[in-house]
Amino acid sequence: MAELERARSELAQAAEGAGVTAFHACTRKGTSSWEDDPAAVRALAAILRDYHADEAAPDGPRSADR
């Protein structure tokens, strides 16, 4: 459970850094929630950190990625 709390903290920090105030995500499996999986929570945090890094780059977002 401590790992999940750390992952959620990482996600909160990444969301704040990216300027995200709310988001919705769902699982493809349909059987369990991504919110209960530390790896999934960290993956979403990584996406938000990457998005923020792209937006902060001197040349803005990479057009090929958007």
PDB file of N, CA and C in Angstrom:
ATOM      1  N   MET A   1       0.810  -1.193   0.000  1.00  0.00           N
ATOM      2  CA  MET A   1       0.000   0.000   0.000  1.00  0.00           C
ATOM      3  C   MET A   1       0.864   1.273   0.000  1.00  0.00           C
ATOM      4  N   ALA A   2       2.026   1.206   0.655  1.00  0.00           N
ATOM      5  CA  ALA A   2       2.917   2.367   0.681  1.00  0.00           C
ATOM      6  C   ALA A   2       3.414   2.696  -0.723  1.00  0.00           C
ATOM      7  N   GLU A   3       3.648   1.666  -1.527  1.00  0.00           N
ATOM      8  CA  GLU A   3       4.105   1.899  -2.908  1.00  0.00           C
ATOM      9  C   GLU A   3       3.027   2.643  -3.702  1.00  0.00           C
ATOM     10  N   LEU A   4       1.789   2.265  -3.515  1.00  0.00           N
ATOM     11  CA  LEU A   4       0.688   2.930  -4.211  1.00  0.00           C
ATOM     12  C   LEU A   4       0.587   4.388  -3.774  1.00  0.00           C
ATOM     13  N   GLU A   5       0.754   4.661  -2.507  1.00  0.00           N
ATOM     14  CA  GLU A   5       0.699   6.042  -2.021  1.00  0.00           C
ATOM     15  C   GLU A   5       1.845   6.874  -2.603  1.00  0.00           C
ATOM     16  N   ARG A   6       3.027   6.293  -2.707  1.00  0.00           N
ATOM     17  CA  ARG A   6       4.153   7.009  -3.321  1.00  0.00           C
ATOM     18  C   ARG A   6       3.874   7.282  -4.801  1.00  0.00           C
ATOM     19  N   ALA A   7       3.302   6.300  -5.479  1.00  0.00           N
ATOM     20  CA  ALA A   7       2.966   6.477  -6.897  1.00  0.00           C
ATOM     21  C   ALA A   7       1.920   7.576  -7.067  1.00  0.00           C
ATOM     22  N   ARG A   8       0.940   7.607  -6.192  1.00  0.00           N
ATOM     23  CA  ARG A   8      -0.091   8.654  -6.266  1.00  0.00           C
ATOM     24  C   ARG A   8       0.503  10.027  -5.998  1.00  0.00           C
ATOM     25  N   SER A   9       1.468  10.093  -5.097  1.00  0.00           N
ATOM     26  CA  SER A   9       2.144  11.354  -4.819  1.00  0.00           C
ATOM     27  C   SER A   9       2.918  11.819  -6.054  1.00  0.00           C
ATOM     28  N   GLU A  10       3.600  10.890  -6.726  1.00  0.00           N
ATOM     29  CA  GLU A  10       4.314  11.214  -7.967  1.00  0.00           C
ATOM     30  C   GLU A  10       3.347  11.749  -9.013  1.00  0.00           C
ATOM     31  N   LEU A  11       2.187  11.118  -9.101  1.00  0.00           N
ATOM     32  CA  LEU A  11       1.184  11.554 -10.077  1.00  0.00           C
ATOM     33  C   LEU A  11       0.683  12.958  -9.737  1.00  0.00           C
ATOM     34  N   ALA A  12       0.430  13.216  -8.488  1.00  0.00           N
ATOM     35  CA  ALA A  12      -0.044  14.544  -8.078  1.00  0.00           C
ATOM     36  C   ALA A  12       0.994  15.609  -8.409  1.00  0.00           C
ATOM     37  N   GLN A  13       2.261  15.320  -8.148  1.00  0.00           N
ATOM     38  CA  GLN A  13       3.326  16.275  -8.457  1.00  0.00           C
ATOM     39  C   GLN A  13       3.445  16.491  -9.964  1.00  0.00           C
ATOM     40  N   ALA A  14       3.360  15.420 -10.734  1.00  0.00           N
ATOM     41  CA  ALA A  14       3.462  15.534 -12.194  1.00  0.00           C
ATOM     42  C   ALA A  14       2.281  16.327 -12.748  1.00  0.00           C
ATOM     43  N   ALA A  15       1.094  16.082 -12.224  1.00  0.00           N
ATOM     44  CA  ALA A  15      -0.097  16.808 -12.681  1.00  0.00           C
ATOM     45  C   ALA A  15       0.033  18.291 -12.373  1.00  0.00           C
ATOM     46  N   GLU A  16       0.495  18.601 -11.188  1.00  0.00           N
ATOM     47  CA  GLU A  16       0.676  20.004 -10.811  1.00  0.00           C
ATOM     48  C   GLU A  16       1.712  20.671 -11.715  1.00  0.00           C
ATOM     49  N   GLY A  17       2.813  19.975 -11.962  1.00  0.00           N
ATOM     50  CA  GLY A  17       3.859  20.526 -12.814  1.00  0.00           C
ATOM     51  C   GLY A  17       3.413  20.743 -14.252  1.00  0.00           C
ATOM     52  N   ALA A  18       2.486  19.920 -14.705  1.00  0.00           N
ATOM     53  CA  ALA A  18       1.986  20.041 -16.077  1.00  0.00           C
ATOM     54  C   ALA A  18       0.787  20.986 -16.176  1.00  0.00           C
ATOM     55  N   GLY A  19       0.337  21.495 -15.023  1.00  0.00           N
ATOM     56  CA  GLY A  19      -0.809  22.398 -15.037  1.00  0.00           C
ATOM     57  C   GLY A  19      -2.135  21.681 -15.200  1.00  0.00           C
ATOM     58  N   VAL A  20      -2.151  20.404 -14.935  1.00  0.00           N
ATOM     59  CA  VAL A  20      -3.377  19.615 -15.067  1.00  0.00           C
ATOM     60  C   VAL A  20      -4.176  19.738 -13.778  1.00  0.00           C
ATOM     61  N   THR A  21      -5.441  20.096 -13.893  1.00  0.00           N
ATOM     62  CA  THR A  21      -6.289  20.225 -12.712  1.00  0.00           C
ATOM     63  C   THR A  21      -7.243  19.049 -12.560  1.00  0.00           C
ATOM     64  N   ALA A  22      -7.498  18.336 -13.650  1.00  0.00           N
ATOM     65  CA  ALA A  22      -8.378  17.169 -13.599  1.00  0.00           C
ATOM     66  C   ALA A  22      -8.097  16.294 -14.815  1.00  0.00           C
ATOM     67  N   PHE A  23      -8.300  15.003 -14.662  1.00  0.00           N
ATOM     68  CA  PHE A  23      -8.159  14.098 -15.794  1.00  0.00           C
ATOM     69  C   PHE A  23      -9.004  12.861 -15.547  1.00  0.00           C
ATOM     70  N   HIS A  24      -9.252  12.141 -16.616  1.00  0.00           N
ATOM     71  CA  HIS A  24     -10.022  10.898 -16.543  1.00  0.00           C
ATOM     72  C   HIS A  24      -9.284   9.864 -17.373  1.00  0.00           C
ATOM     73  N   ALA A  25      -9.071   8.714 -16.797  1.00  0.00           N
ATOM     74  CA  ALA A  25      -8.421   7.626 -17.524  1.00  0.00           C
ATOM     75  C   ALA A  25      -9.123   6.326 -17.155  1.00  0.00           C
ATOM     76  N   CYS A  26      -9.181   5.403 -18.068  1.00  0.00           N
ATOM     77  CA  CYS A  26      -9.799   4.117 -17.780  1.00  0.00           C
ATOM     78  C   CYS A  26      -8.891   2.986 -18.250  1.00  0.00           C
ATOM     79  N   THR A  27      -9.158   1.829 -17.737  1.00  0.00           N
ATOM     80  CA  THR A  27      -8.347   0.661 -18.045  1.00  0.00           C
ATOM     81  C   THR A  27      -8.869  -0.051 -19.280  1.00  0.00           C
ATOM     82  N   ARG A  28      -7.982  -0.729 -19.961  1.00  0.00           N
ATOM     83  CA  ARG A  28      -8.399  -1.532 -21.112  1.00  0.00           C
ATOM     84  C   ARG A  28      -8.873  -2.907 -20.673  1.00  0.00           C
ATOM     85  N   LYS A  29      -8.396  -3.351 -19.533  1.00  0.00           N
ATOM     86  CA  LYS A  29      -8.754  -4.687 -19.063  1.00  0.00           C
ATOM     87  C   LYS A  29     -10.200  -4.765 -18.628  1.00  0.00           C
ATOM     88  N   GLY A  30     -10.693  -3.688 -18.059  1.00  0.00           N
ATOM     89  CA  GLY A  30     -12.067  -3.670 -17.605  1.00  0.00           C
ATOM     90  C   GLY A  30     -12.297  -4.395 -16.291  1.00  0.00           C
ATOM     91  N   THR A  31     -11.257  -5.013 -15.742  1.00  0.00           N
ATOM     92  CA  THR A  31     -11.437  -5.787 -14.516  1.00  0.00           C
ATOM     93  C   THR A  31     -10.872  -5.095 -13.289  1.00  0.00           C
ATOM     94  N   SER A  32      -9.874  -4.248 -13.463  1.00  0.00           N
ATOM     95  CA  SER A  32      -9.285  -3.563 -12.324  1.00  0.00           C
ATOM     96  C   SER A  32      -9.037  -2.112 -12.695  1.00  0.00           C
ATOM     97  N   SER A  33      -8.973  -1.292 -11.692  1.00  0.00           N
ATOM     98  CA  SER A  33      -8.784   0.130 -11.916  1.00  0.00           C
ATOM     99  C   SER A  33      -7.298   0.468 -11.995  1.00  0.00           C
ATOM    100  N   TRP A  34      -6.936   1.335 -12.911  1.00  0.00           N
ATOM    101  CA  TRP A  34      -5.563   1.795 -13.019  1.00  0.00           C
ATOM    102  C   TRP A  34      -5.144   2.492 -11.737  1.00  0.00           C
ATOM    103  N   GLU A  35      -6.098   3.072 -11.041  1.00  0.00           N
ATOM    104  CA  GLU A  35      -5.809   3.820  -9.816  1.00  0.00           C
ATOM    105  C   GLU A  35      -5.269   2.940  -8.695  1.00  0.00           C
ATOM    106  N   ASP A  36      -5.461   1.638  -8.790  1.00  0.00           N
ATOM    107  CA  ASP A  36      -4.996   0.704  -7.770  1.00  0.00           C
ATOM    108  C   ASP A  36      -3.697   0.008  -8.147  1.00  0.00           C
ATOM    109  N   ASP A  37      -3.128   0.361  -9.286  1.00  0.00           N
ATOM    110  CA  ASP A  37      -1.915  -0.274  -9.790  1.00  0.00           C
ATOM    111  C   ASP A  37      -0.769   0.741  -9.788  1.00  0.00           C
ATOM    112  N   PRO A  38       0.198   0.586  -8.881  1.00  0.00           N
ATOM    113  CA  PRO A  38       1.293   1.562  -8.810  1.00  0.00           C
ATOM    114  C   PRO A  38       2.013   1.765 -10.148  1.00  0.00           C
ATOM    115  N   ALA A  39       2.204   0.721 -10.913  1.00  0.00           N
ATOM    116  CA  ALA A  39       2.888   0.853 -12.209  1.00  0.00           C
ATOM    117  C   ALA A  39       2.068   1.706 -13.170  1.00  0.00           C
ATOM    118  N   ALA A  40       0.769   1.530 -13.178  1.00  0.00           N
ATOM    119  CA  ALA A  40      -0.098   2.316 -14.056  1.00  0.00           C
ATOM    120  C   ALA A  40      -0.128   3.778 -13.621  1.00  0.00           C
ATOM    121  N   VAL A  41      -0.178   4.013 -12.330  1.00  0.00           N
ATOM    122  CA  VAL A  41      -0.173   5.380 -11.806  1.00  0.00           C
ATOM    123  C   VAL A  41       1.138   6.064 -12.176  1.00  0.00           C
ATOM    124  N   ARG A  42       2.242   5.356 -12.031  1.00  0.00           N
ATOM    125  CA  ARG A  42       3.553   5.929 -12.390  1.00  0.00           C
ATOM    126  C   ARG A  42       3.656   6.166 -13.899  1.00  0.00           C
ATOM    127  N   ALA A  43       3.058   5.303 -14.692  1.00  0.00           N
ATOM    128  CA  ALA A  43       3.085   5.489 -16.148  1.00  0.00           C
ATOM    129  C   ALA A  43       2.354   6.770 -16.531  1.00  0.00           C
ATOM    130  N   LEU A  44       1.228   7.023 -15.903  1.00  0.00           N
ATOM    131  CA  LEU A  44       0.493   8.252 -16.185  1.00  0.00           C
ATOM    132  C   LEU A  44       1.292   9.467 -15.718  1.00  0.00           C
ATOM    133  N   ALA A  45       1.948   9.356 -14.575  1.00  0.00           N
ATOM    134  CA  ALA A  45       2.802  10.446 -14.087  1.00  0.00           C
ATOM    135  C   ALA A  45       3.915  10.732 -15.105  1.00  0.00           C
ATOM    136  N   ALA A  46       4.508   9.692 -15.660  1.00  0.00           N
ATOM    137  CA  ALA A  46       5.575   9.860 -16.652  1.00  0.00           C
ATOM    138  C   ALA A  46       5.050  10.559 -17.903  1.00  0.00           C
ATOM    139  N   ILE A  47       3.847  10.209 -18.316  1.00  0.00           N
ATOM    140  CA  ILE A  47       3.243  10.864 -19.488  1.00  0.00           C
ATOM    141  C   ILE A  47       3.068  12.349 -19.227  1.00  0.00           C
ATOM    142  N   LEU A  48       2.573  12.686 -18.036  1.00  0.00           N
ATOM    143  CA  LEU A  48       2.376  14.098 -17.712  1.00  0.00           C
ATOM    144  C   LEU A  48       3.704  14.843 -17.630  1.00  0.00           C
ATOM    145  N   ARG A  49       4.728  14.214 -17.065  1.00  0.00           N
ATOM    146  CA  ARG A  49       6.049  14.863 -16.998  1.00  0.00           C
ATOM    147  C   ARG A  49       6.608  15.080 -18.404  1.00  0.00           C
ATOM    148  N   ASP A  50       6.455  14.084 -19.275  1.00  0.00           N
ATOM    149  CA  ASP A  50       6.934  14.227 -20.650  1.00  0.00           C
ATOM    150  C   ASP A  50       6.175  15.324 -21.383  1.00  0.00           C
ATOM    151  N   TYR A  51       4.862  15.376 -21.177  1.00  0.00           N
ATOM    152  CA  TYR A  51       4.043  16.403 -21.813  1.00  0.00           C
ATOM    153  C   TYR A  51       4.501  17.793 -21.361  1.00  0.00           C
ATOM    154  N   HIS A  52       4.714  17.935 -20.061  1.00  0.00           N
ATOM    155  CA  HIS A  52       5.150  19.226 -19.535  1.00  0.00           C
ATOM    156  C   HIS A  52       6.524  19.589 -20.093  1.00  0.00           C
ATOM    157  N   ALA A  53       7.418  18.634 -20.196  1.00  0.00           N
ATOM    158  CA  ALA A  53       8.754  18.889 -20.737  1.00  0.00           C
ATOM    159  C   ALA A  53       8.667  19.330 -22.196  1.00  0.00           C
ATOM    160  N   ASP A  54       7.781  18.704 -22.966  1.00  0.00           N
ATOM    161  CA  ASP A  54       7.599  19.093 -24.369  1.00  0.00           C
ATOM    162  C   ASP A  54       7.068  20.518 -24.472  1.00  0.00           C
ATOM    163  N   GLU A  55       6.108  20.861 -23.629  1.00  0.00           N
ATOM    164  CA  GLU A  55       5.512  22.194 -23.661  1.00  0.00           C
ATOM    165  C   GLU A  55       6.526  23.259 -23.244  1.00  0.00           C
ATOM    166  N   ALA A  56       7.445  22.912 -22.362  1.00  0.00           N
ATOM    167  CA  ALA A  56       8.426  23.868 -21.858  1.00  0.00           C
ATOM    168  C   ALA A  56       9.647  24.000 -22.767  1.00  0.00           C
ATOM    169  N   ALA A  57       9.780  23.123 -23.740  1.00  0.00           N
ATOM    170  CA  ALA A  57      10.932  23.158 -24.646  1.00  0.00           C
ATOM    171  C   ALA A  57      10.929  24.479 -25.416  1.00  0.00           C
ATOM    172  N   PRO A  58      12.102  25.000 -25.747  1.00  0.00           N
ATOM    173  CA  PRO A  58      12.200  26.292 -26.450  1.00  0.00           C
ATOM    174  C   PRO A  58      11.405  26.343 -27.746  1.00  0.00           C
ATOM    175  N   ASP A  59      11.320  25.220 -28.444  1.00  0.00           N
ATOM    176  CA  ASP A  59      10.602  25.204 -29.715  1.00  0.00           C
ATOM    177  C   ASP A  59       9.169  24.711 -29.553  1.00  0.00           C
ATOM    178  N   GLY A  60       8.684  24.585 -28.318  1.00  0.00           N
ATOM    179  CA  GLY A  60       7.312  24.153 -28.071  1.00  0.00           C
ATOM    180  C   GLY A  60       7.144  22.678 -28.325  1.00  0.00           C
ATOM    181  N   PRO A  61       5.904  22.232 -28.391  1.00  0.00           N
ATOM    182  CA  PRO A  61       5.637  20.812 -28.602  1.00  0.00           C
ATOM    183  C   PRO A  61       6.140  20.352 -29.953  1.00  0.00           C
ATOM    184  N   ARG A  62       6.607  19.139 -29.979  1.00  0.00           N
ATOM    185  CA  ARG A  62       7.073  18.565 -31.249  1.00  0.00           C
ATOM    186  C   ARG A  62       5.856  18.283 -32.116  1.00  0.00           C
ATOM    187  N   SER A  63       5.805  18.883 -33.271  1.00  0.00           N
ATOM    188  CA  SER A  63       4.636  18.757 -34.130  1.00  0.00           C
ATOM    189  C   SER A  63       4.419  17.314 -34.577  1.00  0.00           C
ATOM    190  N   ALA A  64       5.477  16.536 -34.684  1.00  0.00           N
ATOM    191  CA  ALA A  64       5.333  15.147 -35.109  1.00  0.00           C
ATOM    192  C   ALA A  64       4.648  14.311 -34.039  1.00  0.00           C
ATOM    193  N   ASP A  65       4.736  14.754 -32.776  1.00  0.00           N
ATOM    194  CA  ASP A  65       4.141  14.000 -31.671  1.00  0.00           C
ATOM    195  C   ASP A  65       2.710  14.412 -31.402  1.00  0.00           C
ATOM    196  N   ARG A  66       2.229  15.421 -32.012  1.00  0.00           N
ATOM    197  CA  ARG A  66       0.888  15.941 -31.702  1.00  0.00           C
ATOM    198  C   ARG A  66      -0.066  15.673 -32.828  1.00  0.00           C
TER     199      ARG A  66
END
